[in-house]
Amino acid sequence: MDGPKSTPTPWDKIALQIQEASHASGLSRSKLYELIAERKLLSIKAAGRRLILRSDLEAYLVSCRDAG
């Protein structure tokens, strides 16, 4: 018998909705949209939703560390 399933965190997912990416990164939703518009952060549109691949969000955050 399986035990109770835990609620997945944003870091358990391959792709994050904007709100999840905001929560996971500490960046505001508007900042994420700004970064997407500036093509500094990649995103995809799937099934009518704007998604950010977790790996792209991590890569962007690492690039901020390297630039600072």
PDB file of N, CA and C in Angstrom:
ATOM      1  N   MET A   1       0.840  -1.174   0.000  1.00  0.00           N
ATOM      2  CA  MET A   1       0.000   0.000   0.000  1.00  0.00           C
ATOM      3  C   MET A   1       0.888   1.241   0.000  1.00  0.00           C
ATOM      4  N   ASP A   2       0.559   2.199  -0.821  1.00  0.00           N
ATOM      5  CA  ASP A   2       1.324   3.438  -0.884  1.00  0.00           C
ATOM      6  C   ASP A   2       0.969   4.343   0.281  1.00  0.00           C
ATOM      7  N   GLY A   3       1.982   5.072   0.755  1.00  0.00           N
ATOM      8  CA  GLY A   3       1.758   6.058   1.805  1.00  0.00           C
ATOM      9  C   GLY A   3       1.161   7.317   1.215  1.00  0.00           C
ATOM     10  N   PRO A   4       0.889   8.288   2.072  1.00  0.00           N
ATOM     11  CA  PRO A   4       0.327   9.552   1.571  1.00  0.00           C
ATOM     12  C   PRO A   4       1.315  10.244   0.638  1.00  0.00           C
ATOM     13  N   LYS A   5       0.785  10.813  -0.418  1.00  0.00           N
ATOM     14  CA  LYS A   5       1.634  11.505  -1.380  1.00  0.00           C
ATOM     15  C   LYS A   5       1.849  12.931  -0.912  1.00  0.00           C
ATOM     16  N   SER A   6       3.091  13.375  -1.029  1.00  0.00           N
ATOM     17  CA  SER A   6       3.386  14.749  -0.647  1.00  0.00           C
ATOM     18  C   SER A   6       3.056  15.677  -1.804  1.00  0.00           C
ATOM     19  N   THR A   7       2.730  16.907  -1.487  1.00  0.00           N
ATOM     20  CA  THR A   7       2.450  17.903  -2.505  1.00  0.00           C
ATOM     21  C   THR A   7       3.755  18.278  -3.191  1.00  0.00           C
ATOM     22  N   PRO A   8       3.799  18.221  -4.517  1.00  0.00           N
ATOM     23  CA  PRO A   8       5.054  18.561  -5.205  1.00  0.00           C
ATOM     24  C   PRO A   8       5.387  20.040  -5.043  1.00  0.00           C
ATOM     25  N   THR A   9       6.639  20.319  -4.864  1.00  0.00           N
ATOM     26  CA  THR A   9       7.098  21.701  -4.799  1.00  0.00           C
ATOM     27  C   THR A   9       7.423  22.147  -6.217  1.00  0.00           C
ATOM     28  N   PRO A  10       7.565  23.458  -6.450  1.00  0.00           N
ATOM     29  CA  PRO A  10       7.934  23.898  -7.799  1.00  0.00           C
ATOM     30  C   PRO A  10       9.211  23.243  -8.313  1.00  0.00           C
ATOM     31  N   TRP A  11      10.139  22.929  -7.433  1.00  0.00           N
ATOM     32  CA  TRP A  11      11.405  22.349  -7.884  1.00  0.00           C
ATOM     33  C   TRP A  11      11.281  20.873  -8.219  1.00  0.00           C
ATOM     34  N   ASP A  12      10.104  20.272  -7.993  1.00  0.00           N
ATOM     35  CA  ASP A  12       9.852  18.898  -8.413  1.00  0.00           C
ATOM     36  C   ASP A  12       9.336  18.839  -9.842  1.00  0.00           C
ATOM     37  N   LYS A  13       8.988  19.990 -10.409  1.00  0.00           N
ATOM     38  CA  LYS A  13       8.384  20.052 -11.733  1.00  0.00           C
ATOM     39  C   LYS A  13       9.430  20.398 -12.796  1.00  0.00           C
ATOM     40  N   ILE A  14       9.163  19.982 -14.019  1.00  0.00           N
ATOM     41  CA  ILE A  14      10.031  20.321 -15.145  1.00  0.00           C
ATOM     42  C   ILE A  14       9.768  21.757 -15.593  1.00  0.00           C
ATOM     43  N   ALA A  15       8.489  22.137 -15.628  1.00  0.00           N
ATOM     44  CA  ALA A  15       8.095  23.471 -16.077  1.00  0.00           C
ATOM     45  C   ALA A  15       7.220  24.123 -15.015  1.00  0.00           C
ATOM     46  N   LEU A  16       7.422  25.419 -14.853  1.00  0.00           N
ATOM     47  CA  LEU A  16       6.714  26.166 -13.823  1.00  0.00           C
ATOM     48  C   LEU A  16       5.807  27.208 -14.447  1.00  0.00           C
ATOM     49  N   GLN A  17       4.620  27.370 -13.887  1.00  0.00           N
ATOM     50  CA  GLN A  17       3.783  28.493 -14.260  1.00  0.00           C
ATOM     51  C   GLN A  17       4.432  29.754 -13.697  1.00  0.00           C
ATOM     52  N   ILE A  18       4.046  30.905 -14.206  1.00  0.00           N
ATOM     53  CA  ILE A  18       4.668  32.161 -13.789  1.00  0.00           C
ATOM     54  C   ILE A  18       4.593  32.337 -12.271  1.00  0.00           C
ATOM     55  N   GLN A  19       3.447  32.081 -11.688  1.00  0.00           N
ATOM     56  CA  GLN A  19       3.289  32.248 -10.238  1.00  0.00           C
ATOM     57  C   GLN A  19       4.227  31.311  -9.476  1.00  0.00           C
ATOM     58  N   GLU A  20       4.374  30.082  -9.946  1.00  0.00           N
ATOM     59  CA  GLU A  20       5.275  29.136  -9.304  1.00  0.00           C
ATOM     60  C   GLU A  20       6.730  29.579  -9.447  1.00  0.00           C
ATOM     61  N   ALA A  21       7.087  30.069 -10.635  1.00  0.00           N
ATOM     62  CA  ALA A  21       8.452  30.546 -10.857  1.00  0.00           C
ATOM     63  C   ALA A  21       8.742  31.762  -9.976  1.00  0.00           C
ATOM     64  N   SER A  22       7.745  32.613  -9.802  1.00  0.00           N
ATOM     65  CA  SER A  22       7.892  33.771  -8.930  1.00  0.00           C
ATOM     66  C   SER A  22       8.147  33.328  -7.487  1.00  0.00           C
ATOM     67  N   HIS A  23       7.346  32.408  -7.032  1.00  0.00           N
ATOM     68  CA  HIS A  23       7.489  31.911  -5.658  1.00  0.00           C
ATOM     69  C   HIS A  23       8.831  31.206  -5.467  1.00  0.00           C
ATOM     70  N   ALA A  24       9.219  30.392  -6.433  1.00  0.00           N
ATOM     71  CA  ALA A  24      10.454  29.619  -6.311  1.00  0.00           C
ATOM     72  C   ALA A  24      11.695  30.497  -6.357  1.00  0.00           C
ATOM     73  N   SER A  25      11.648  31.565  -7.166  1.00  0.00           N
ATOM     74  CA  SER A  25      12.842  32.391  -7.370  1.00  0.00           C
ATOM     75  C   SER A  25      12.908  33.622  -6.481  1.00  0.00           C
ATOM     76  N   GLY A  26      11.756  34.057  -5.985  1.00  0.00           N
ATOM     77  CA  GLY A  26      11.722  35.298  -5.220  1.00  0.00           C
ATOM     78  C   GLY A  26      11.577  36.531  -6.098  1.00  0.00           C
ATOM     79  N   LEU A  27      11.461  36.334  -7.411  1.00  0.00           N
ATOM     80  CA  LEU A  27      11.252  37.445  -8.340  1.00  0.00           C
ATOM     81  C   LEU A  27       9.753  37.675  -8.502  1.00  0.00           C
ATOM     82  N   SER A  28       9.364  38.918  -8.708  1.00  0.00           N
ATOM     83  CA  SER A  28       7.943  39.217  -8.885  1.00  0.00           C
ATOM     84  C   SER A  28       7.464  38.698 -10.235  1.00  0.00           C
ATOM     85  N   ARG A  29       6.155  38.523 -10.335  1.00  0.00           N
ATOM     86  CA  ARG A  29       5.571  38.100 -11.608  1.00  0.00           C
ATOM     87  C   ARG A  29       5.883  39.115 -12.698  1.00  0.00           C
ATOM     88  N   SER A  30       5.763  40.400 -12.367  1.00  0.00           N
ATOM     89  CA  SER A  30       6.022  41.431 -13.376  1.00  0.00           C
ATOM     90  C   SER A  30       7.478  41.419 -13.816  1.00  0.00           C
ATOM     91  N   LYS A  31       8.393  41.137 -12.905  1.00  0.00           N
ATOM     92  CA  LYS A  31       9.807  41.053 -13.272  1.00  0.00           C
ATOM     93  C   LYS A  31      10.045  39.864 -14.195  1.00  0.00           C
ATOM     94  N   LEU A  32       9.403  38.755 -13.933  1.00  0.00           N
ATOM     95  CA  LEU A  32       9.546  37.592 -14.803  1.00  0.00           C
ATOM     96  C   LEU A  32       9.040  37.906 -16.201  1.00  0.00           C
ATOM     97  N   TYR A  33       7.874  38.553 -16.304  1.00  0.00           N
ATOM     98  CA  TYR A  33       7.355  38.931 -17.618  1.00  0.00           C
ATOM     99  C   TYR A  33       8.297  39.907 -18.320  1.00  0.00           C
ATOM    100  N   GLU A  34       8.883  40.819 -17.566  1.00  0.00           N
ATOM    101  CA  GLU A  34       9.845  41.767 -18.133  1.00  0.00           C
ATOM    102  C   GLU A  34      11.061  41.027 -18.689  1.00  0.00           C
ATOM    103  N   LEU A  35      11.595  40.088 -17.923  1.00  0.00           N
ATOM    104  CA  LEU A  35      12.750  39.313 -18.363  1.00  0.00           C
ATOM    105  C   LEU A  35      12.426  38.478 -19.606  1.00  0.00           C
ATOM    106  N   ILE A  36      11.208  37.947 -19.655  1.00  0.00           N
ATOM    107  CA  ILE A  36      10.777  37.178 -20.820  1.00  0.00           C
ATOM    108  C   ILE A  36      10.695  38.099 -22.041  1.00  0.00           C
ATOM    109  N   ALA A  37      10.107  39.290 -21.870  1.00  0.00           N
ATOM    110  CA  ALA A  37       9.985  40.240 -22.982  1.00  0.00           C
ATOM    111  C   ALA A  37      11.353  40.680 -23.493  1.00  0.00           C
ATOM    112  N   GLU A  38      12.306  40.819 -22.575  1.00  0.00           N
ATOM    113  CA  GLU A  38      13.673  41.220 -22.941  1.00  0.00           C
ATOM    114  C   GLU A  38      14.507  40.046 -23.451  1.00  0.00           C
ATOM    115  N   ARG A  39      13.909  38.874 -23.474  1.00  0.00           N
ATOM    116  CA  ARG A  39      14.578  37.634 -23.902  1.00  0.00           C
ATOM    117  C   ARG A  39      15.794  37.288 -23.034  1.00  0.00           C
ATOM    118  N   LYS A  40      15.735  37.695 -21.789  1.00  0.00           N
ATOM    119  CA  LYS A  40      16.773  37.321 -20.826  1.00  0.00           C
ATOM    120  C   LYS A  40      16.412  36.018 -20.120  1.00  0.00           C
ATOM    121  N   LEU A  41      15.124  35.689 -20.155  1.00  0.00           N
ATOM    122  CA  LEU A  41      14.618  34.460 -19.565  1.00  0.00           C
ATOM    123  C   LEU A  41      13.724  33.792 -20.599  1.00  0.00           C
ATOM    124  N   LEU A  42      14.027  32.558 -20.926  1.00  0.00           N
ATOM    125  CA  LEU A  42      13.250  31.831 -21.924  1.00  0.00           C
ATOM    126  C   LEU A  42      11.960  31.303 -21.307  1.00  0.00           C
ATOM    127  N   SER A  43      10.926  31.242 -22.131  1.00  0.00           N
ATOM    128  CA  SER A  43       9.668  30.652 -21.702  1.00  0.00           C
ATOM    129  C   SER A  43       9.039  29.963 -22.899  1.00  0.00           C
ATOM    130  N   ILE A  44       8.032  29.158 -22.607  1.00  0.00           N
ATOM    131  CA  ILE A  44       7.300  28.478 -23.664  1.00  0.00           C
ATOM    132  C   ILE A  44       5.815  28.686 -23.408  1.00  0.00           C
ATOM    133  N   LYS A  45       5.039  28.538 -24.449  1.00  0.00           N
ATOM    134  CA  LYS A  45       3.590  28.583 -24.304  1.00  0.00           C
ATOM    135  C   LYS A  45       3.072  27.203 -24.677  1.00  0.00           C
ATOM    136  N   ALA A  46       2.405  26.570 -23.744  1.00  0.00           N
ATOM    137  CA  ALA A  46       1.873  25.224 -23.967  1.00  0.00           C
ATOM    138  C   ALA A  46       0.479  25.155 -23.352  1.00  0.00           C
ATOM    139  N   ALA A  47      -0.438  24.633 -24.107  1.00  0.00           N
ATOM    140  CA  ALA A  47      -1.825  24.470 -23.651  1.00  0.00           C
ATOM    141  C   ALA A  47      -2.388  25.787 -23.111  1.00  0.00           C
ATOM    142  N   GLY A  48      -2.026  26.880 -23.768  1.00  0.00           N
ATOM    143  CA  GLY A  48      -2.559  28.183 -23.367  1.00  0.00           C
ATOM    144  C   GLY A  48      -1.926  28.786 -22.134  1.00  0.00           C
ATOM    145  N   ARG A  49      -0.853  28.188 -21.654  1.00  0.00           N
ATOM    146  CA  ARG A  49      -0.178  28.696 -20.451  1.00  0.00           C
ATOM    147  C   ARG A  49       1.247  29.085 -20.767  1.00  0.00           C
ATOM    148  N   ARG A  50       1.695  30.137 -20.138  1.00  0.00           N
ATOM    149  CA  ARG A  50       3.099  30.548 -20.232  1.00  0.00           C
ATOM    150  C   ARG A  50       3.853  29.755 -19.174  1.00  0.00           C
ATOM    151  N   LEU A  51       4.861  29.009 -19.598  1.00  0.00           N
ATOM    152  CA  LEU A  51       5.646  28.175 -18.691  1.00  0.00           C
ATOM    153  C   LEU A  51       7.120  28.523 -18.806  1.00  0.00           C
ATOM    154  N   ILE A  52       7.812  28.379 -17.713  1.00  0.00           N
ATOM    155  CA  ILE A  52       9.262  28.546 -17.683  1.00  0.00           C
ATOM    156  C   ILE A  52       9.852  27.207 -17.287  1.00  0.00           C
ATOM    157  N   LEU A  53      10.724  26.697 -18.129  1.00  0.00           N
ATOM    158  CA  LEU A  53      11.393  25.446 -17.763  1.00  0.00           C
ATOM    159  C   LEU A  53      12.250  25.693 -16.521  1.00  0.00           C
ATOM    160  N   ARG A  54      12.191  24.771 -15.608  1.00  0.00           N
ATOM    161  CA  ARG A  54      12.963  24.909 -14.371  1.00  0.00           C
ATOM    162  C   ARG A  54      14.441  25.119 -14.679  1.00  0.00           C
ATOM    163  N   SER A  55      14.941  24.401 -15.671  1.00  0.00           N
ATOM    164  CA  SER A  55      16.361  24.523 -16.020  1.00  0.00           C
ATOM    165  C   SER A  55      16.682  25.923 -16.545  1.00  0.00           C
ATOM    166  N   ASP A  56      15.740  26.558 -17.269  1.00  0.00           N
ATOM    167  CA  ASP A  56      15.971  27.915 -17.757  1.00  0.00           C
ATOM    168  C   ASP A  56      15.953  28.930 -16.613  1.00  0.00           C
ATOM    169  N   LEU A  57      15.072  28.735 -15.649  1.00  0.00           N
ATOM    170  CA  LEU A  57      15.041  29.624 -14.492  1.00  0.00           C
ATOM    171  C   LEU A  57      16.332  29.494 -13.687  1.00  0.00           C
ATOM    172  N   GLU A  58      16.782  28.261 -13.490  1.00  0.00           N
ATOM    173  CA  GLU A  58      18.038  28.039 -12.767  1.00  0.00           C
ATOM    174  C   GLU A  58      19.211  28.675 -13.515  1.00  0.00           C
ATOM    175  N   ALA A  59      19.241  28.511 -14.851  1.00  0.00           N
ATOM    176  CA  ALA A  59      20.315  29.083 -15.655  1.00  0.00           C
ATOM    177  C   ALA A  59      20.326  30.609 -15.549  1.00  0.00           C
ATOM    178  N   TYR A  60      19.135  31.214 -15.583  1.00  0.00           N
ATOM    179  CA  TYR A  60      19.073  32.674 -15.452  1.00  0.00           C
ATOM    180  C   TYR A  60      19.617  33.119 -14.093  1.00  0.00           C
ATOM    181  N   LEU A  61      19.206  32.452 -13.038  1.00  0.00           N
ATOM    182  CA  LEU A  61      19.667  32.833 -11.699  1.00  0.00           C
ATOM    183  C   LEU A  61      21.172  32.641 -11.546  1.00  0.00           C
ATOM    184  N   VAL A  62      21.713  31.588 -12.119  1.00  0.00           N
ATOM    185  CA  VAL A  62      23.173  31.375 -12.080  1.00  0.00           C
ATOM    186  C   VAL A  62      23.888  32.485 -12.844  1.00  0.00           C
ATOM    187  N   SER A  63      23.306  32.896 -13.982  1.00  0.00           N
ATOM    188  CA  SER A  63      23.939  33.969 -14.761  1.00  0.00           C
ATOM    189  C   SER A  63      23.964  35.282 -13.976  1.00  0.00           C
ATOM    190  N   CYS A  64      22.962  35.498 -13.141  1.00  0.00           N
ATOM    191  CA  CYS A  64      22.944  36.702 -12.290  1.00  0.00           C
ATOM    192  C   CYS A  64      24.087  36.641 -11.267  1.00  0.00           C
ATOM    193  N   ARG A  65      24.309  35.478 -10.720  1.00  0.00           N
ATOM    194  CA  ARG A  65      25.382  35.308  -9.750  1.00  0.00           C
ATOM    195  C   ARG A  65      26.726  35.526 -10.420  1.00  0.00           C
ATOM    196  N   ASP A  66      26.894  34.978 -11.608  1.00  0.00           N
ATOM    197  CA  ASP A  66      28.153  35.103 -12.330  1.00  0.00           C
ATOM    198  C   ASP A  66      28.418  36.529 -12.774  1.00  0.00           C
ATOM    199  N   ALA A  67      27.345  37.286 -13.060  1.00  0.00           N
ATOM    200  CA  ALA A  67      27.486  38.669 -13.515  1.00  0.00           C
ATOM    201  C   ALA A  67      27.740  39.630 -12.362  1.00  0.00           C
ATOM    202  N   GLY A  68      27.364  39.230 -11.163  1.00  0.00           N
ATOM    203  CA  GLY A  68      27.451  40.137 -10.018  1.00  0.00           C
ATOM    204  C   GLY A  68      28.739  40.023  -9.341  1.00  0.00           C
TER     205      GLY A  68
END
